[in-house]
């Protein structure tokens, strides 16, 4: 029950971030927002409660990141912007 509630809260947070549409305010911004979860287990438990969260996030232009994936994402952005 708590796992489903956790997933529901993350889904609601995805929706809230998406509705802000940060990417629409400036033409040089990426067309997505990163939702950071402080541990990989938070994401794992959310997926247990709702296995469609990742796809839902992508549809809403929200990328879910944990410490592990955030480092890779930031390095990719760094290299892309330096070669732009």
PDB file of N, CA and C in Angstrom:
ATOM      1  N   UNK A   1       0.829  -1.185   0.000  1.00  0.00           N
ATOM      2  CA  UNK A   1       0.000   0.000   0.000  1.00  0.00           C
ATOM      3  C   UNK A   1       0.880   1.257   0.000  1.00  0.00           C
ATOM      4  N   UNK A   2       1.923   1.301   0.814  1.00  0.00           N
ATOM      5  CA  UNK A   2       2.806   2.464   0.885  1.00  0.00           C
ATOM      6  C   UNK A   2       3.571   2.653  -0.419  1.00  0.00           C
ATOM      7  N   UNK A   3       3.915   1.551  -1.083  1.00  0.00           N
ATOM      8  CA  UNK A   3       4.635   1.640  -2.353  1.00  0.00           C
ATOM      9  C   UNK A   3       3.753   2.297  -3.407  1.00  0.00           C
ATOM     10  N   UNK A   4       2.500   1.932  -3.444  1.00  0.00           N
ATOM     11  CA  UNK A   4       1.571   2.548  -4.408  1.00  0.00           C
ATOM     12  C   UNK A   4       1.352   4.025  -4.091  1.00  0.00           C
ATOM     13  N   UNK A   5       1.292   4.364  -2.817  1.00  0.00           N
ATOM     14  CA  UNK A   5       1.130   5.763  -2.413  1.00  0.00           C
ATOM     15  C   UNK A   5       2.375   6.577  -2.818  1.00  0.00           C
ATOM     16  N   UNK A   6       3.535   5.982  -2.620  1.00  0.00           N
ATOM     17  CA  UNK A   6       4.797   6.620  -3.024  1.00  0.00           C
ATOM     18  C   UNK A   6       4.794   6.882  -4.531  1.00  0.00           C
ATOM     19  N   UNK A   7       4.422   5.875  -5.300  1.00  0.00           N
ATOM     20  CA  UNK A   7       4.366   6.024  -6.753  1.00  0.00           C
ATOM     21  C   UNK A   7       3.348   7.081  -7.160  1.00  0.00           C
ATOM     22  N   UNK A   8       2.222   7.113  -6.487  1.00  0.00           N
ATOM     23  CA  UNK A   8       1.189   8.115  -6.777  1.00  0.00           C
ATOM     24  C   UNK A   8       1.712   9.522  -6.510  1.00  0.00           C
ATOM     25  N   UNK A   9       2.471   9.694  -5.432  1.00  0.00           N
ATOM     26  CA  UNK A   9       3.047  10.997  -5.113  1.00  0.00           C
ATOM     27  C   UNK A   9       4.074  11.430  -6.157  1.00  0.00           C
ATOM     28  N   UNK A  10       4.870  10.505  -6.624  1.00  0.00           N
ATOM     29  CA  UNK A  10       5.850  10.840  -7.660  1.00  0.00           C
ATOM     30  C   UNK A  10       5.142  11.185  -8.970  1.00  0.00           C
ATOM     31  N   UNK A  11       4.108  10.445  -9.302  1.00  0.00           N
ATOM     32  CA  UNK A  11       3.318  10.745 -10.516  1.00  0.00           C
ATOM     33  C   UNK A  11       2.722  12.156 -10.416  1.00  0.00           C
ATOM     34  N   UNK A  12       2.223  12.518  -9.255  1.00  0.00           N
ATOM     35  CA  UNK A  12       1.661  13.856  -9.060  1.00  0.00           C
ATOM     36  C   UNK A  12       2.749  14.923  -9.182  1.00  0.00           C
ATOM     37  N   UNK A  13       3.939  14.626  -8.679  1.00  0.00           N
ATOM     38  CA  UNK A  13       5.048  15.581  -8.782  1.00  0.00           C
ATOM     39  C   UNK A  13       5.474  15.743 -10.243  1.00  0.00           C
ATOM     40  N   UNK A  14       5.493  14.655 -10.993  1.00  0.00           N
ATOM     41  CA  UNK A  14       5.792  14.721 -12.427  1.00  0.00           C
ATOM     42  C   UNK A  14       4.788  15.639 -13.116  1.00  0.00           C
ATOM     43  N   UNK A  15       3.521  15.431 -12.828  1.00  0.00           N
ATOM     44  CA  UNK A  15       2.481  16.253 -13.445  1.00  0.00           C
ATOM     45  C   UNK A  15       2.662  17.725 -13.090  1.00  0.00           C
ATOM     46  N   UNK A  16       2.951  18.002 -11.814  1.00  0.00           N
ATOM     47  CA  UNK A  16       3.143  19.385 -11.379  1.00  0.00           C
ATOM     48  C   UNK A  16       4.324  20.052 -12.070  1.00  0.00           C
ATOM     49  N   UNK A  17       5.431  19.340 -12.189  1.00  0.00           N
ATOM     50  CA  UNK A  17       6.598  19.896 -12.889  1.00  0.00           C
ATOM     51  C   UNK A  17       6.293  20.130 -14.359  1.00  0.00           C
ATOM     52  N   UNK A  18       5.607  19.193 -14.966  1.00  0.00           N
ATOM     53  CA  UNK A  18       5.272  19.318 -16.383  1.00  0.00           C
ATOM     54  C   UNK A  18       4.384  20.528 -16.654  1.00  0.00           C
ATOM     55  N   UNK A  19       3.458  20.791 -15.771  1.00  0.00           N
ATOM     56  CA  UNK A  19       2.545  21.914 -15.954  1.00  0.00           C
ATOM     57  C   UNK A  19       3.260  23.257 -15.882  1.00  0.00           C
ATOM     58  N   UNK A  20       4.403  23.303 -15.236  1.00  0.00           N
ATOM     59  CA  UNK A  20       5.177  24.550 -15.180  1.00  0.00           C
ATOM     60  C   UNK A  20       5.825  24.883 -16.507  1.00  0.00           C
ATOM     61  N   UNK A  21       6.070  23.894 -17.339  1.00  0.00           N
ATOM     62  CA  UNK A  21       6.617  24.069 -18.704  1.00  0.00           C
ATOM     63  C   UNK A  21       7.800  25.036 -18.746  1.00  0.00           C
ATOM     64  N   UNK A  22       8.792  24.773 -17.938  1.00  0.00           N
ATOM     65  CA  UNK A  22       9.972  25.629 -17.888  1.00  0.00           C
ATOM     66  C   UNK A  22      10.596  25.829 -19.268  1.00  0.00           C
ATOM     67  N   UNK A  23      10.582  24.797 -20.096  1.00  0.00           N
ATOM     68  CA  UNK A  23      11.187  24.835 -21.423  1.00  0.00           C
ATOM     69  C   UNK A  23      10.507  25.833 -22.347  1.00  0.00           C
ATOM     70  N   UNK A  24       9.298  26.236 -22.051  1.00  0.00           N
ATOM     71  CA  UNK A  24       8.565  27.170 -22.904  1.00  0.00           C
ATOM     72  C   UNK A  24       8.960  28.627 -22.654  1.00  0.00           C
ATOM     73  N   UNK A  25       9.692  28.896 -21.584  1.00  0.00           N
ATOM     74  CA  UNK A  25      10.019  30.264 -21.201  1.00  0.00           C
ATOM     75  C   UNK A  25      11.302  30.795 -21.830  1.00  0.00           C
ATOM     76  N   UNK A  26      12.108  29.899 -22.365  1.00  0.00           N
ATOM     77  CA  UNK A  26      13.368  30.338 -22.956  1.00  0.00           C
ATOM     78  C   UNK A  26      13.734  29.369 -24.074  1.00  0.00           C
ATOM     79  N   UNK A  27      14.084  29.899 -25.222  1.00  0.00           N
ATOM     80  CA  UNK A  27      14.326  29.050 -26.391  1.00  0.00           C
ATOM     81  C   UNK A  27      15.596  28.211 -26.281  1.00  0.00           C
ATOM     82  N   UNK A  28      16.531  28.580 -25.418  1.00  0.00           N
ATOM     83  CA  UNK A  28      17.787  27.835 -25.327  1.00  0.00           C
ATOM     84  C   UNK A  28      17.748  26.729 -24.270  1.00  0.00           C
ATOM     85  N   UNK A  29      16.620  26.543 -23.611  1.00  0.00           N
ATOM     86  CA  UNK A  29      16.518  25.511 -22.573  1.00  0.00           C
ATOM     87  C   UNK A  29      16.193  24.162 -23.185  1.00  0.00           C
ATOM     88  N   UNK A  30      16.703  23.088 -22.584  1.00  0.00           N
ATOM     89  CA  UNK A  30      16.303  21.743 -23.032  1.00  0.00           C
ATOM     90  C   UNK A  30      14.794  21.565 -22.832  1.00  0.00           C
ATOM     91  N   UNK A  31      14.224  20.696 -23.603  1.00  0.00           N
ATOM     92  CA  UNK A  31      12.776  20.487 -23.522  1.00  0.00           C
ATOM     93  C   UNK A  31      12.420  19.404 -22.506  1.00  0.00           C
ATOM     94  N   UNK A  32      13.104  19.413 -21.379  1.00  0.00           N
ATOM     95  CA  UNK A  32      12.762  18.491 -20.315  1.00  0.00           C
ATOM     96  C   UNK A  32      13.225  19.060 -18.978  1.00  0.00           C
ATOM     97  N   UNK A  33      12.680  18.513 -17.917  1.00  0.00           N
ATOM     98  CA  UNK A  33      13.047  18.887 -16.554  1.00  0.00           C
ATOM     99  C   UNK A  33      13.495  17.612 -15.856  1.00  0.00           C
ATOM    100  N   UNK A  34      14.465  17.728 -14.969  1.00  0.00           N
ATOM    101  CA  UNK A  34      14.956  16.579 -14.217  1.00  0.00           C
ATOM    102  C   UNK A  34      14.282  16.552 -12.847  1.00  0.00           C
ATOM    103  N   UNK A  35      13.659  15.439 -12.549  1.00  0.00           N
ATOM    104  CA  UNK A  35      13.098  15.196 -11.216  1.00  0.00           C
ATOM    105  C   UNK A  35      14.123  14.329 -10.486  1.00  0.00           C
ATOM    106  N   UNK A  36      14.759  14.877  -9.467  1.00  0.00           N
ATOM    107  CA  UNK A  36      15.815  14.177  -8.756  1.00  0.00           C
ATOM    108  C   UNK A  36      15.265  13.446  -7.539  1.00  0.00           C
ATOM    109  N   UNK A  37      15.581  12.161  -7.454  1.00  0.00           N
ATOM    110  CA  UNK A  37      15.271  11.358  -6.273  1.00  0.00           C
ATOM    111  C   UNK A  37      16.603  11.027  -5.592  1.00  0.00           C
ATOM    112  N   UNK A  38      16.736  11.275  -4.292  1.00  0.00           N
ATOM    113  CA  UNK A  38      18.041  11.192  -3.636  1.00  0.00           C
ATOM    114  C   UNK A  38      18.645   9.801  -3.470  1.00  0.00           C
ATOM    115  N   UNK A  39      17.878   8.750  -3.677  1.00  0.00           N
ATOM    116  CA  UNK A  39      18.467   7.404  -3.653  1.00  0.00           C
ATOM    117  C   UNK A  39      17.831   6.553  -4.744  1.00  0.00           C
ATOM    118  N   UNK A  40      18.598   5.582  -5.218  1.00  0.00           N
ATOM    119  CA  UNK A  40      18.090   4.667  -6.241  1.00  0.00           C
ATOM    120  C   UNK A  40      16.906   3.853  -5.716  1.00  0.00           C
ATOM    121  N   UNK A  41      16.910   3.558  -4.428  1.00  0.00           N
ATOM    122  CA  UNK A  41      15.813   2.750  -3.874  1.00  0.00           C
ATOM    123  C   UNK A  41      14.477   3.490  -3.918  1.00  0.00           C
ATOM    124  N   UNK A  42      14.498   4.819  -3.810  1.00  0.00           N
ATOM    125  CA  UNK A  42      13.245   5.569  -3.941  1.00  0.00           C
ATOM    126  C   UNK A  42      12.622   5.333  -5.315  1.00  0.00           C
ATOM    127  N   UNK A  43      13.455   5.320  -6.333  1.00  0.00           N
ATOM    128  CA  UNK A  43      12.960   5.073  -7.690  1.00  0.00           C
ATOM    129  C   UNK A  43      12.509   3.621  -7.848  1.00  0.00           C
ATOM    130  N   UNK A  44      13.294   2.700  -7.299  1.00  0.00           N
ATOM    131  CA  UNK A  44      12.917   1.285  -7.376  1.00  0.00           C
ATOM    132  C   UNK A  44      11.575   1.013  -6.734  1.00  0.00           C
ATOM    133  N   UNK A  45      11.351   1.576  -5.570  1.00  0.00           N
ATOM    134  CA  UNK A  45      10.064   1.378  -4.890  1.00  0.00           C
ATOM    135  C   UNK A  45       8.923   2.044  -5.658  1.00  0.00           C
ATOM    136  N   UNK A  46       9.202   3.186  -6.260  1.00  0.00           N
ATOM    137  CA  UNK A  46       8.170   3.848  -7.066  1.00  0.00           C
ATOM    138  C   UNK A  46       7.784   2.975  -8.254  1.00  0.00           C
ATOM    139  N   UNK A  47       8.768   2.347  -8.899  1.00  0.00           N
ATOM    140  CA  UNK A  47       8.481   1.457 -10.023  1.00  0.00           C
ATOM    141  C   UNK A  47       7.695   0.228  -9.583  1.00  0.00           C
ATOM    142  N   UNK A  48       7.925  -0.227  -8.351  1.00  0.00           N
ATOM    143  CA  UNK A  48       7.141  -1.345  -7.830  1.00  0.00           C
ATOM    144  C   UNK A  48       5.667  -0.952  -7.737  1.00  0.00           C
ATOM    145  N   UNK A  49       5.404   0.280  -7.374  1.00  0.00           N
ATOM    146  CA  UNK A  49       4.032   0.753  -7.229  1.00  0.00           C
ATOM    147  C   UNK A  49       3.385   1.147  -8.538  1.00  0.00           C
ATOM    148  N   UNK A  50       4.198   1.531  -9.515  1.00  0.00           N
ATOM    149  CA  UNK A  50       3.669   1.957 -10.821  1.00  0.00           C
ATOM    150  C   UNK A  50       4.767   1.771 -11.858  1.00  0.00           C
ATOM    151  N   UNK A  51       4.683   0.689 -12.595  1.00  0.00           N
ATOM    152  CA  UNK A  51       5.735   0.375 -13.571  1.00  0.00           C
ATOM    153  C   UNK A  51       5.694   1.271 -14.814  1.00  0.00           C
ATOM    154  N   UNK A  52       4.734   2.181 -14.899  1.00  0.00           N
ATOM    155  CA  UNK A  52       4.644   3.076 -16.062  1.00  0.00           C
ATOM    156  C   UNK A  52       5.199   4.473 -15.781  1.00  0.00           C
ATOM    157  N   UNK A  53       5.789   4.678 -14.607  1.00  0.00           N
ATOM    158  CA  UNK A  53       6.262   6.022 -14.238  1.00  0.00           C
ATOM    159  C   UNK A  53       7.305   6.581 -15.203  1.00  0.00           C
ATOM    160  N   UNK A  54       8.228   5.753 -15.628  1.00  0.00           N
ATOM    161  CA  UNK A  54       9.277   6.234 -16.527  1.00  0.00           C
ATOM    162  C   UNK A  54       8.671   6.734 -17.839  1.00  0.00           C
ATOM    163  N   UNK A  55       7.801   5.946 -18.428  1.00  0.00           N
ATOM    164  CA  UNK A  55       7.148   6.337 -19.674  1.00  0.00           C
ATOM    165  C   UNK A  55       6.285   7.574 -19.480  1.00  0.00           C
ATOM    166  N   UNK A  56       5.578   7.631 -18.368  1.00  0.00           N
ATOM    167  CA  UNK A  56       4.748   8.795 -18.072  1.00  0.00           C
ATOM    168  C   UNK A  56       5.616  10.050 -17.965  1.00  0.00           C
ATOM    169  N   UNK A  57       6.728   9.933 -17.270  1.00  0.00           N
ATOM    170  CA  UNK A  57       7.641  11.063 -17.146  1.00  0.00           C
ATOM    171  C   UNK A  57       8.130  11.556 -18.496  1.00  0.00           C
ATOM    172  N   UNK A  58       8.524  10.641 -19.346  1.00  0.00           N
ATOM    173  CA  UNK A  58       9.012  11.014 -20.685  1.00  0.00           C
ATOM    174  C   UNK A  58       7.914  11.722 -21.471  1.00  0.00           C
ATOM    175  N   UNK A  59       6.701  11.215 -21.406  1.00  0.00           N
ATOM    176  CA  UNK A  59       5.571  11.862 -22.096  1.00  0.00           C
ATOM    177  C   UNK A  59       5.361  13.280 -21.589  1.00  0.00           C
ATOM    178  N   UNK A  60       5.604  13.488 -20.308  1.00  0.00           N
ATOM    179  CA  UNK A  60       5.396  14.802 -19.696  1.00  0.00           C
ATOM    180  C   UNK A  60       6.653  15.676 -19.735  1.00  0.00           C
ATOM    181  N   UNK A  61       7.700  15.198 -20.413  1.00  0.00           N
ATOM    182  CA  UNK A  61       8.987  15.898 -20.543  1.00  0.00           C
ATOM    183  C   UNK A  61       9.722  16.027 -19.211  1.00  0.00           C
ATOM    184  N   UNK A  62       9.589  14.984 -18.394  1.00  0.00           N
ATOM    185  CA  UNK A  62      10.263  14.924 -17.106  1.00  0.00           C
ATOM    186  C   UNK A  62      11.168  13.698 -17.100  1.00  0.00           C
ATOM    187  N   UNK A  63      12.454  13.906 -16.821  1.00  0.00           N
ATOM    188  CA  UNK A  63      13.408  12.811 -16.715  1.00  0.00           C
ATOM    189  C   UNK A  63      13.642  12.555 -15.229  1.00  0.00           C
ATOM    190  N   UNK A  64      13.410  11.325 -14.804  1.00  0.00           N
ATOM    191  CA  UNK A  64      13.627  10.969 -13.411  1.00  0.00           C
ATOM    192  C   UNK A  64      15.089  10.561 -13.251  1.00  0.00           C
ATOM    193  N   UNK A  65      15.769  11.175 -12.280  1.00  0.00           N
ATOM    194  CA  UNK A  65      17.179  10.882 -12.065  1.00  0.00           C
ATOM    195  C   UNK A  65      17.449  10.549 -10.600  1.00  0.00           C
ATOM    196  N   UNK A  66      18.407   9.671 -10.404  1.00  0.00           N
ATOM    197  CA  UNK A  66      18.920   9.322  -9.077  1.00  0.00           C
ATOM    198  C   UNK A  66      20.380   9.774  -9.050  1.00  0.00           C
ATOM    199  N   UNK A  67      21.073   9.666  -7.928  1.00  0.00           N
ATOM    200  CA  UNK A  67      22.480  10.094  -7.922  1.00  0.00           C
ATOM    201  C   UNK A  67      23.310   9.442  -9.034  1.00  0.00           C
ATOM    202  N   UNK A  68      23.075   8.186  -9.286  1.00  0.00           N
ATOM    203  CA  UNK A  68      23.829   7.477 -10.316  1.00  0.00           C
ATOM    204  C   UNK A  68      23.552   8.043 -11.704  1.00  0.00           C
ATOM    205  N   UNK A  69      22.303   8.207 -12.049  1.00  0.00           N
ATOM    206  CA  UNK A  69      21.966   8.678 -13.391  1.00  0.00           C
ATOM    207  C   UNK A  69      22.150  10.175 -13.551  1.00  0.00           C
ATOM    208  N   UNK A  70      22.042  10.928 -12.461  1.00  0.00           N
ATOM    209  CA  UNK A  70      22.222  12.381 -12.551  1.00  0.00           C
ATOM    210  C   UNK A  70      23.643  12.737 -12.968  1.00  0.00           C
ATOM    211  N   UNK A  71      24.625  12.038 -12.443  1.00  0.00           N
ATOM    212  CA  UNK A  71      26.022  12.303 -12.803  1.00  0.00           C
ATOM    213  C   UNK A  71      26.220  12.088 -14.302  1.00  0.00           C
ATOM    214  N   UNK A  72      25.709  10.992 -14.831  1.00  0.00           N
ATOM    215  CA  UNK A  72      25.831  10.721 -16.267  1.00  0.00           C
ATOM    216  C   UNK A  72      25.093  11.779 -17.084  1.00  0.00           C
ATOM    217  N   UNK A  73      23.919  12.166 -16.646  1.00  0.00           N
ATOM    218  CA  UNK A  73      23.138  13.182 -17.348  1.00  0.00           C
ATOM    219  C   UNK A  73      23.863  14.522 -17.368  1.00  0.00           C
ATOM    220  N   UNK A  74      24.402  14.928 -16.220  1.00  0.00           N
ATOM    221  CA  UNK A  74      25.104  16.206 -16.149  1.00  0.00           C
ATOM    222  C   UNK A  74      26.373  16.212 -16.992  1.00  0.00           C
ATOM    223  N   UNK A  75      27.091  15.106 -17.013  1.00  0.00           N
ATOM    224  CA  UNK A  75      28.296  15.024 -17.858  1.00  0.00           C
ATOM    225  C   UNK A  75      27.925  15.116 -19.331  1.00  0.00           C
ATOM    226  N   UNK A  76      26.843  14.476 -19.710  1.00  0.00           N
ATOM    227  CA  UNK A  76      26.386  14.531 -21.099  1.00  0.00           C
ATOM    228  C   UNK A  76      26.010  15.958 -21.479  1.00  0.00           C
ATOM    229  N   UNK A  77      25.282  16.633 -20.619  1.00  0.00           N
ATOM    230  CA  UNK A  77      24.895  18.024 -20.880  1.00  0.00           C
ATOM    231  C   UNK A  77      26.127  18.913 -20.967  1.00  0.00           C
ATOM    232  N   UNK A  78      27.084  18.706 -20.064  1.00  0.00           N
ATOM    233  CA  UNK A  78      28.313  19.482 -20.063  1.00  0.00           C
ATOM    234  C   UNK A  78      29.044  19.355 -21.406  1.00  0.00           C
ATOM    235  N   UNK A  79      29.221  18.119 -21.865  1.00  0.00           N
ATOM    236  CA  UNK A  79      29.933  17.907 -23.126  1.00  0.00           C
ATOM    237  C   UNK A  79      29.147  18.455 -24.316  1.00  0.00           C
ATOM    238  N   UNK A  80      27.824  18.314 -24.272  1.00  0.00           N
ATOM    239  CA  UNK A  80      27.013  18.834 -25.371  1.00  0.00           C
ATOM    240  C   UNK A  80      27.089  20.357 -25.443  1.00  0.00           C
ATOM    241  N   UNK A  81      27.006  21.029 -24.316  1.00  0.00           N
ATOM    242  CA  UNK A  81      27.043  22.483 -24.304  1.00  0.00           C
ATOM    243  C   UNK A  81      28.437  23.019 -24.660  1.00  0.00           C
ATOM    244  N   UNK A  82      29.474  22.306 -24.289  1.00  0.00           N
ATOM    245  CA  UNK A  82      30.825  22.744 -24.638  1.00  0.00           C
ATOM    246  C   UNK A  82      31.129  22.566 -26.123  1.00  0.00           C
ATOM    247  N   UNK A  83      30.414  21.688 -26.783  1.00  0.00           N
ATOM    248  CA  UNK A  83      30.629  21.468 -28.211  1.00  0.00           C
ATOM    249  C   UNK A  83      29.564  22.150 -29.056  1.00  0.00           C
ATOM    250  N   UNK A  84      28.719  22.938 -28.444  1.00  0.00           N
ATOM    251  CA  UNK A  84      27.622  23.602 -29.150  1.00  0.00           C
ATOM    252  C   UNK A  84      28.074  24.860 -29.829  1.00  0.00           C
TER     253      UNK A  84
END
